[in-house]
Amino acid sequence: MSDEQSGPRPEDLRFFGTTWVEHDDGYAIRRAGVAVGSLLTALAACAVLGLAYEGLGIADVGGLVAWLIVVMFAVCSALAFGNTWGTFSRRPDPARQASLRGLLMIGFVGSLLAYFARSLREAPGEQLLREEYDEARARHEKRTTRRSGNPTRRKR
């Protein structure tokens, strides 16, 4: 059994599997697909939100309520963008994610835009997984390399 087979295994990445390691098996096409898909989904979501805003106008709820709804979606989207962008470079805290669940659901457009922006540079989350995988490989290499000879017999 070789070291490569006994060493650490790369973690799967959503939409990419393990193609992010060597950028093979359609990695570029998948990245383009994630970019286009997230942008189109964000645009469709904005169209639906526009219809909802028109519904507020038809319901004649008043300018203040309509303004507050727009501000709420904008702020939640900005916070969701920042949170999603941060999860691409560090592991998220599950307790914090649970407490932000409602905010992230309201600001889903921001999360979609973060996926779009990140996929222009790399697979979303690739940087974090690559750092962890490289560290695991280095630890494995250090653990499995053997020294040669008896150190007490070395010439000084």
N, C-alpha and C. Protein backbone atom coordinates (compact mmCIF):
# COMPACT_ATOMS: atom_id res chain seq x y z
N MET A 1 0.86 -1.19 0.00
CA MET A 1 0.00 0.00 0.00
C MET A 1 0.89 1.24 0.00
N SER A 2 0.67 2.16 -0.90
CA SER A 2 1.52 3.35 -1.00
C SER A 2 1.06 4.41 -0.01
N ASP A 3 1.95 5.41 0.22
CA ASP A 3 1.63 6.51 1.14
C ASP A 3 0.42 7.30 0.68
N GLU A 4 0.27 7.42 -0.64
CA GLU A 4 -0.83 8.22 -1.18
C GLU A 4 -2.17 7.59 -0.82
N GLN A 5 -2.22 6.24 -0.83
CA GLN A 5 -3.47 5.57 -0.51
C GLN A 5 -3.73 5.57 0.99
N SER A 6 -2.67 5.52 1.80
CA SER A 6 -2.85 5.47 3.24
C SER A 6 -2.92 6.86 3.86
N GLY A 7 -2.65 7.88 3.10
CA GLY A 7 -2.64 9.25 3.61
C GLY A 7 -4.03 9.83 3.77
N PRO A 8 -4.09 11.09 4.11
CA PRO A 8 -5.38 11.75 4.30
C PRO A 8 -6.15 11.87 2.99
N ARG A 9 -7.43 11.81 3.09
CA ARG A 9 -8.31 11.93 1.93
C ARG A 9 -8.88 13.34 1.88
N PRO A 10 -8.98 13.93 0.68
CA PRO A 10 -9.57 15.27 0.59
C PRO A 10 -11.07 15.23 0.87
N GLU A 11 -11.57 16.27 1.47
CA GLU A 11 -12.99 16.38 1.79
C GLU A 11 -13.77 16.79 0.54
N ASP A 12 -14.96 16.24 0.40
CA ASP A 12 -15.80 16.61 -0.73
C ASP A 12 -16.30 18.04 -0.57
N LEU A 13 -16.39 18.74 -1.67
CA LEU A 13 -16.89 20.11 -1.70
C LEU A 13 -18.19 20.12 -2.48
N ARG A 14 -19.19 20.82 -1.98
CA ARG A 14 -20.50 20.86 -2.64
C ARG A 14 -20.35 21.27 -4.10
N PHE A 15 -20.98 20.52 -4.98
CA PHE A 15 -20.98 20.69 -6.43
C PHE A 15 -19.67 20.26 -7.10
N PHE A 16 -18.60 20.04 -6.33
CA PHE A 16 -17.29 19.77 -6.92
C PHE A 16 -16.71 18.41 -6.54
N GLY A 17 -17.21 17.79 -5.50
CA GLY A 17 -16.61 16.54 -5.03
C GLY A 17 -15.17 16.79 -4.63
N THR A 18 -14.26 15.98 -5.17
CA THR A 18 -12.83 16.18 -4.89
C THR A 18 -12.10 16.72 -6.12
N THR A 19 -12.82 17.23 -7.10
CA THR A 19 -12.16 17.78 -8.30
C THR A 19 -11.37 19.04 -7.99
N TRP A 20 -11.61 19.67 -6.84
CA TRP A 20 -10.90 20.89 -6.47
C TRP A 20 -9.42 20.62 -6.18
N VAL A 21 -9.06 19.38 -5.86
CA VAL A 21 -7.68 19.07 -5.50
C VAL A 21 -6.75 19.27 -6.69
N GLU A 22 -7.08 18.66 -7.81
CA GLU A 22 -6.22 18.74 -9.01
C GLU A 22 -6.83 19.60 -10.12
N HIS A 23 -8.00 20.18 -9.88
CA HIS A 23 -8.72 20.96 -10.89
C HIS A 23 -8.93 20.14 -12.17
N ASP A 24 -9.43 18.92 -11.97
CA ASP A 24 -9.66 18.02 -13.10
C ASP A 24 -11.13 17.62 -13.15
N ASP A 25 -11.46 16.77 -14.12
CA ASP A 25 -12.82 16.22 -14.27
C ASP A 25 -13.89 17.30 -14.35
N GLY A 26 -13.68 18.29 -15.18
CA GLY A 26 -14.70 19.31 -15.39
C GLY A 26 -14.77 20.37 -14.32
N TYR A 27 -13.68 20.60 -13.61
CA TYR A 27 -13.66 21.60 -12.53
C TYR A 27 -14.04 22.98 -13.06
N ALA A 28 -13.47 23.39 -14.18
CA ALA A 28 -13.74 24.73 -14.71
C ALA A 28 -15.21 24.86 -15.12
N ILE A 29 -15.75 23.82 -15.72
CA ILE A 29 -17.16 23.86 -16.13
C ILE A 29 -18.06 23.92 -14.90
N ARG A 30 -17.72 23.15 -13.89
CA ARG A 30 -18.51 23.20 -12.65
C ARG A 30 -18.46 24.57 -12.01
N ARG A 31 -17.26 25.17 -12.01
CA ARG A 31 -17.13 26.51 -11.43
C ARG A 31 -17.96 27.52 -12.20
N ALA A 32 -17.92 27.44 -13.51
CA ALA A 32 -18.75 28.33 -14.33
C ALA A 32 -20.23 28.07 -14.07
N GLY A 33 -20.60 26.81 -13.92
CA GLY A 33 -21.98 26.48 -13.63
C GLY A 33 -22.45 27.03 -12.29
N VAL A 34 -21.59 26.96 -11.29
CA VAL A 34 -21.94 27.52 -9.98
C VAL A 34 -22.08 29.03 -10.07
N ALA A 35 -21.18 29.67 -10.82
CA ALA A 35 -21.25 31.13 -10.97
C ALA A 35 -22.54 31.54 -11.67
N VAL A 36 -22.82 30.91 -12.80
CA VAL A 36 -24.03 31.25 -13.56
C VAL A 36 -25.28 30.90 -12.78
N GLY A 37 -25.29 29.71 -12.17
CA GLY A 37 -26.46 29.27 -11.42
C GLY A 37 -26.77 30.16 -10.23
N SER A 38 -25.75 30.53 -9.49
CA SER A 38 -26.01 31.39 -8.32
C SER A 38 -26.44 32.79 -8.74
N LEU A 39 -25.87 33.31 -9.84
CA LEU A 39 -26.27 34.63 -10.30
C LEU A 39 -27.70 34.61 -10.83
N LEU A 40 -28.05 33.60 -11.62
CA LEU A 40 -29.42 33.51 -12.14
C LEU A 40 -30.44 33.31 -11.02
N THR A 41 -30.07 32.53 -10.03
CA THR A 41 -30.97 32.32 -8.89
C THR A 41 -31.15 33.62 -8.11
N ALA A 42 -30.07 34.38 -7.93
CA ALA A 42 -30.17 35.66 -7.23
C ALA A 42 -31.04 36.64 -8.02
N LEU A 43 -30.89 36.66 -9.33
CA LEU A 43 -31.73 37.54 -10.15
C LEU A 43 -33.20 37.14 -10.09
N ALA A 44 -33.47 35.84 -10.12
CA ALA A 44 -34.85 35.36 -10.00
C ALA A 44 -35.42 35.71 -8.63
N ALA A 45 -34.60 35.60 -7.60
CA ALA A 45 -35.06 35.95 -6.26
C ALA A 45 -35.37 37.44 -6.16
N CYS A 46 -34.54 38.26 -6.78
CA CYS A 46 -34.81 39.70 -6.78
C CYS A 46 -36.10 40.01 -7.53
N ALA A 47 -36.38 39.29 -8.60
CA ALA A 47 -37.64 39.49 -9.33
C ALA A 47 -38.84 39.13 -8.46
N VAL A 48 -38.72 38.04 -7.71
CA VAL A 48 -39.81 37.64 -6.80
C VAL A 48 -39.98 38.68 -5.70
N LEU A 49 -38.87 39.18 -5.17
CA LEU A 49 -38.95 40.22 -4.14
C LEU A 49 -39.57 41.50 -4.72
N GLY A 50 -39.29 41.79 -5.97
CA GLY A 50 -39.92 42.94 -6.63
C GLY A 50 -41.43 42.78 -6.72
N LEU A 51 -41.87 41.57 -7.04
CA LEU A 51 -43.31 41.30 -7.07
C LEU A 51 -43.93 41.46 -5.68
N ALA A 52 -43.20 41.01 -4.67
CA ALA A 52 -43.70 41.16 -3.30
C ALA A 52 -43.80 42.65 -2.93
N TYR A 53 -42.83 43.44 -3.38
CA TYR A 53 -42.87 44.87 -3.11
C TYR A 53 -44.06 45.52 -3.81
N GLU A 54 -44.32 45.09 -5.04
CA GLU A 54 -45.50 45.60 -5.74
C GLU A 54 -46.78 45.21 -5.00
N GLY A 55 -46.78 44.03 -4.42
CA GLY A 55 -47.92 43.59 -3.62
C GLY A 55 -48.14 44.49 -2.41
N LEU A 56 -47.07 44.96 -1.84
CA LEU A 56 -47.20 45.90 -0.72
C LEU A 56 -47.82 47.21 -1.19
N GLY A 57 -47.45 47.63 -2.39
CA GLY A 57 -48.04 48.84 -2.95
C GLY A 57 -49.52 48.67 -3.23
N ILE A 58 -49.89 47.50 -3.75
CA ILE A 58 -51.31 47.23 -4.02
C ILE A 58 -52.10 47.17 -2.72
N ALA A 59 -51.49 46.61 -1.67
CA ALA A 59 -52.15 46.50 -0.37
C ALA A 59 -52.23 47.86 0.34
N ASP A 60 -51.52 48.84 -0.19
CA ASP A 60 -51.52 50.19 0.36
C ASP A 60 -51.16 50.19 1.85
N VAL A 61 -50.00 49.56 2.16
CA VAL A 61 -49.57 49.48 3.56
C VAL A 61 -48.91 50.77 4.04
N GLY A 62 -48.56 51.62 3.15
CA GLY A 62 -47.92 52.88 3.54
C GLY A 62 -46.44 52.88 3.19
N GLY A 63 -45.90 54.05 3.06
CA GLY A 63 -44.51 54.21 2.66
C GLY A 63 -43.52 53.73 3.70
N LEU A 64 -43.83 53.94 4.97
CA LEU A 64 -42.91 53.55 6.02
C LEU A 64 -42.73 52.03 6.07
N VAL A 65 -43.80 51.28 5.98
CA VAL A 65 -43.71 49.82 6.04
C VAL A 65 -42.95 49.30 4.82
N ALA A 66 -43.24 49.82 3.66
CA ALA A 66 -42.55 49.39 2.44
C ALA A 66 -41.06 49.72 2.55
N TRP A 67 -40.74 50.88 3.07
CA TRP A 67 -39.34 51.28 3.24
C TRP A 67 -38.64 50.36 4.24
N LEU A 68 -39.30 50.04 5.35
CA LEU A 68 -38.72 49.15 6.35
C LEU A 68 -38.46 47.76 5.79
N ILE A 69 -39.35 47.27 4.95
CA ILE A 69 -39.16 45.94 4.35
C ILE A 69 -37.95 45.96 3.42
N VAL A 70 -37.81 46.99 2.63
CA VAL A 70 -36.66 47.10 1.72
C VAL A 70 -35.37 47.16 2.53
N VAL A 71 -35.35 47.97 3.58
CA VAL A 71 -34.15 48.09 4.42
C VAL A 71 -33.85 46.74 5.09
N MET A 72 -34.88 46.04 5.57
CA MET A 72 -34.68 44.75 6.22
C MET A 72 -34.03 43.76 5.25
N PHE A 73 -34.54 43.67 4.03
CA PHE A 73 -33.94 42.74 3.07
C PHE A 73 -32.52 43.16 2.71
N ALA A 74 -32.28 44.44 2.59
CA ALA A 74 -30.93 44.91 2.25
C ALA A 74 -29.94 44.59 3.37
N VAL A 75 -30.31 44.88 4.60
CA VAL A 75 -29.41 44.63 5.73
C VAL A 75 -29.18 43.13 5.91
N CYS A 76 -30.25 42.35 5.85
CA CYS A 76 -30.11 40.90 6.00
C CYS A 76 -29.28 40.30 4.88
N SER A 77 -29.44 40.81 3.67
CA SER A 77 -28.64 40.32 2.55
C SER A 77 -27.17 40.66 2.73
N ALA A 78 -26.89 41.86 3.20
CA ALA A 78 -25.50 42.26 3.44
C ALA A 78 -24.87 41.39 4.54
N LEU A 79 -25.61 41.14 5.61
CA LEU A 79 -25.09 40.29 6.69
C LEU A 79 -24.91 38.85 6.22
N ALA A 80 -25.85 38.36 5.42
CA ALA A 80 -25.74 37.00 4.90
C ALA A 80 -24.55 36.87 3.95
N PHE A 81 -24.30 37.91 3.15
CA PHE A 81 -23.14 37.91 2.26
C PHE A 81 -21.87 37.79 3.08
N GLY A 82 -21.74 38.64 4.11
CA GLY A 82 -20.54 38.62 4.95
C GLY A 82 -20.36 37.29 5.67
N ASN A 83 -21.45 36.74 6.17
CA ASN A 83 -21.37 35.46 6.87
C ASN A 83 -20.97 34.34 5.91
N THR A 84 -21.59 34.29 4.76
CA THR A 84 -21.28 33.25 3.78
C THR A 84 -19.85 33.39 3.27
N TRP A 85 -19.42 34.61 3.02
CA TRP A 85 -18.06 34.86 2.56
C TRP A 85 -17.06 34.39 3.61
N GLY A 86 -17.37 34.62 4.88
CA GLY A 86 -16.48 34.19 5.95
C GLY A 86 -16.37 32.68 6.07
N THR A 87 -17.44 31.96 5.75
CA THR A 87 -17.38 30.50 5.85
C THR A 87 -16.52 29.88 4.76
N PHE A 88 -16.13 30.64 3.76
CA PHE A 88 -15.25 30.12 2.73
C PHE A 88 -13.80 30.05 3.21
N SER A 89 -13.45 30.79 4.27
CA SER A 89 -12.07 30.80 4.74
C SER A 89 -11.90 30.27 6.16
N ARG A 90 -12.98 29.97 6.87
CA ARG A 90 -12.88 29.37 8.20
C ARG A 90 -14.14 28.55 8.48
N ARG A 91 -13.97 27.56 9.32
CA ARG A 91 -15.11 26.70 9.68
C ARG A 91 -16.11 27.50 10.51
N PRO A 92 -17.38 27.45 10.15
CA PRO A 92 -18.38 28.20 10.91
C PRO A 92 -18.68 27.53 12.24
N ASP A 93 -19.00 28.35 13.24
CA ASP A 93 -19.41 27.86 14.55
C ASP A 93 -20.87 27.41 14.45
N PRO A 94 -21.16 26.14 14.74
CA PRO A 94 -22.54 25.66 14.59
C PRO A 94 -23.55 26.42 15.45
N ALA A 95 -23.17 26.83 16.65
CA ALA A 95 -24.10 27.57 17.51
C ALA A 95 -24.42 28.93 16.91
N ARG A 96 -23.40 29.58 16.37
CA ARG A 96 -23.62 30.90 15.74
C ARG A 96 -24.48 30.75 14.49
N GLN A 97 -24.22 29.70 13.71
CA GLN A 97 -25.01 29.47 12.51
C GLN A 97 -26.48 29.22 12.86
N ALA A 98 -26.71 28.49 13.94
CA ALA A 98 -28.09 28.22 14.37
C ALA A 98 -28.79 29.50 14.79
N SER A 99 -28.06 30.39 15.45
CA SER A 99 -28.68 31.64 15.89
C SER A 99 -28.93 32.60 14.73
N LEU A 100 -28.17 32.44 13.64
CA LEU A 100 -28.32 33.32 12.47
C LEU A 100 -29.24 32.73 11.40
N ARG A 101 -29.82 31.57 11.66
CA ARG A 101 -30.59 30.88 10.63
C ARG A 101 -31.69 31.75 10.03
N GLY A 102 -32.46 32.44 10.87
CA GLY A 102 -33.54 33.30 10.37
C GLY A 102 -33.02 34.45 9.52
N LEU A 103 -31.97 35.08 10.00
CA LEU A 103 -31.37 36.19 9.26
C LEU A 103 -30.84 35.72 7.91
N LEU A 104 -30.21 34.55 7.89
CA LEU A 104 -29.67 34.03 6.64
C LEU A 104 -30.78 33.64 5.67
N MET A 105 -31.92 33.20 6.19
CA MET A 105 -33.03 32.87 5.30
C MET A 105 -33.62 34.13 4.67
N ILE A 106 -33.70 35.20 5.43
CA ILE A 106 -34.22 36.46 4.89
C ILE A 106 -33.22 37.04 3.88
N GLY A 107 -31.94 36.94 4.19
CA GLY A 107 -30.91 37.52 3.33
C GLY A 107 -30.30 36.54 2.35
N PHE A 108 -31.09 35.58 1.88
CA PHE A 108 -30.57 34.53 0.99
C PHE A 108 -29.96 35.10 -0.29
N VAL A 109 -30.40 36.27 -0.72
CA VAL A 109 -29.83 36.86 -1.94
C VAL A 109 -28.35 37.18 -1.71
N GLY A 110 -28.01 37.64 -0.52
CA GLY A 110 -26.62 37.91 -0.19
C GLY A 110 -25.76 36.66 -0.23
N SER A 111 -26.30 35.55 0.26
CA SER A 111 -25.55 34.29 0.21
C SER A 111 -25.33 33.85 -1.23
N LEU A 112 -26.35 34.00 -2.06
CA LEU A 112 -26.20 33.63 -3.47
C LEU A 112 -25.16 34.50 -4.16
N LEU A 113 -25.14 35.78 -3.84
CA LEU A 113 -24.15 36.67 -4.44
C LEU A 113 -22.74 36.36 -3.95
N ALA A 114 -22.61 35.91 -2.69
CA ALA A 114 -21.30 35.50 -2.18
C ALA A 114 -20.80 34.27 -2.94
N TYR A 115 -21.70 33.32 -3.20
CA TYR A 115 -21.32 32.15 -3.99
C TYR A 115 -20.87 32.58 -5.39
N PHE A 116 -21.61 33.50 -6.00
CA PHE A 116 -21.24 33.97 -7.33
C PHE A 116 -19.87 34.63 -7.32
N ALA A 117 -19.65 35.55 -6.39
CA ALA A 117 -18.38 36.28 -6.35
C ALA A 117 -17.20 35.34 -6.08
N ARG A 118 -17.39 34.39 -5.17
CA ARG A 118 -16.28 33.50 -4.84
C ARG A 118 -15.98 32.53 -5.99
N SER A 119 -17.03 32.12 -6.70
CA SER A 119 -16.80 31.15 -7.78
C SER A 119 -16.08 31.79 -8.97
N LEU A 120 -15.97 33.09 -9.01
CA LEU A 120 -15.17 33.74 -10.05
C LEU A 120 -13.69 33.51 -9.83
N ARG A 121 -13.29 33.30 -8.56
CA ARG A 121 -11.88 33.10 -8.23
C ARG A 121 -11.53 31.63 -8.03
N GLU A 122 -12.38 30.91 -7.30
CA GLU A 122 -12.13 29.50 -7.00
C GLU A 122 -13.46 28.85 -6.63
N ALA A 123 -13.43 27.57 -6.40
CA ALA A 123 -14.63 26.89 -5.92
C ALA A 123 -14.93 27.41 -4.53
N PRO A 124 -16.17 27.79 -4.24
CA PRO A 124 -16.50 28.31 -2.90
C PRO A 124 -16.14 27.30 -1.81
N GLY A 125 -15.21 27.68 -0.94
CA GLY A 125 -14.75 26.83 0.14
C GLY A 125 -13.46 26.09 -0.17
N GLU A 126 -12.94 26.24 -1.37
CA GLU A 126 -11.74 25.53 -1.78
C GLU A 126 -10.52 25.95 -0.95
N GLN A 127 -10.39 27.21 -0.67
CA GLN A 127 -9.22 27.70 0.07
C GLN A 127 -9.13 27.03 1.44
N LEU A 128 -10.23 26.97 2.16
CA LEU A 128 -10.25 26.36 3.49
C LEU A 128 -9.90 24.87 3.40
N LEU A 129 -10.54 24.16 2.49
CA LEU A 129 -10.28 22.72 2.37
C LEU A 129 -8.85 22.44 1.91
N ARG A 130 -8.32 23.30 1.03
CA ARG A 130 -6.94 23.10 0.56
C ARG A 130 -5.95 23.29 1.70
N GLU A 131 -6.17 24.32 2.52
CA GLU A 131 -5.27 24.54 3.67
C GLU A 131 -5.33 23.35 4.63
N GLU A 132 -6.53 22.87 4.94
CA GLU A 132 -6.67 21.74 5.86
C GLU A 132 -6.07 20.47 5.26
N TYR A 133 -6.28 20.25 3.98
CA TYR A 133 -5.75 19.06 3.31
C TYR A 133 -4.23 19.10 3.25
N ASP A 134 -3.66 20.27 2.94
CA ASP A 134 -2.19 20.39 2.90
C ASP A 134 -1.58 20.17 4.27
N GLU A 135 -2.22 20.70 5.32
CA GLU A 135 -1.72 20.47 6.68
C GLU A 135 -1.80 18.99 7.05
N ALA A 136 -2.90 18.34 6.70
CA ALA A 136 -3.04 16.92 7.00
C ALA A 136 -2.01 16.09 6.24
N ARG A 137 -1.73 16.45 4.98
CA ARG A 137 -0.71 15.74 4.21
C ARG A 137 0.66 15.95 4.81
N ALA A 138 0.96 17.18 5.25
CA ALA A 138 2.26 17.46 5.86
C ALA A 138 2.42 16.67 7.17
N ARG A 139 1.38 16.62 7.98
CA ARG A 139 1.43 15.84 9.23
C ARG A 139 1.64 14.36 8.92
N HIS A 140 0.92 13.87 7.91
CA HIS A 140 1.05 12.46 7.53
C HIS A 140 2.46 12.18 7.02
N GLU A 141 2.98 13.05 6.20
CA GLU A 141 4.34 12.88 5.66
C GLU A 141 5.38 12.88 6.77
N LYS A 142 5.21 13.78 7.72
CA LYS A 142 6.15 13.87 8.85
C LYS A 142 6.07 12.61 9.71
N ARG A 143 4.87 12.10 9.87
CA ARG A 143 4.65 10.92 10.71
C ARG A 143 5.17 9.65 10.04
N THR A 144 5.13 9.59 8.72
CA THR A 144 5.49 8.36 8.03
C THR A 144 6.92 8.33 7.52
N THR A 145 7.63 9.45 7.49
CA THR A 145 9.02 9.41 7.03
C THR A 145 9.86 8.76 8.11
N ARG A 146 10.74 7.90 7.68
CA ARG A 146 11.58 7.16 8.63
C ARG A 146 13.00 7.71 8.55
N ARG A 147 13.63 7.73 9.69
CA ARG A 147 15.03 8.15 9.69
C ARG A 147 15.88 6.93 9.38
N SER A 148 17.06 7.17 8.88
CA SER A 148 17.93 6.05 8.52
C SER A 148 19.08 5.97 9.49
N GLY A 149 19.36 4.81 9.92
CA GLY A 149 20.52 4.57 10.79
C GLY A 149 20.25 4.88 12.24
N ASN A 150 21.24 4.56 13.03
CA ASN A 150 21.20 4.79 14.47
C ASN A 150 21.78 6.17 14.74
N PRO A 151 21.01 7.08 15.37
CA PRO A 151 21.53 8.44 15.58
C PRO A 151 22.74 8.50 16.51
N THR A 152 22.95 7.49 17.36
CA THR A 152 24.10 7.53 18.28
C THR A 152 25.41 7.23 17.56
N ARG A 153 25.35 6.66 16.37
CA ARG A 153 26.56 6.32 15.63
C ARG A 153 26.97 7.38 14.65
N ARG A 154 26.28 8.50 14.63
CA ARG A 154 26.62 9.58 13.69
C ARG A 154 27.95 10.20 14.05
N LYS A 155 28.69 10.57 13.01
CA LYS A 155 29.96 11.28 13.23
C LYS A 155 29.64 12.74 13.49
N ARG A 156 30.39 13.31 14.39
CA ARG A 156 30.18 14.71 14.74
C ARG A 156 31.24 15.56 14.15
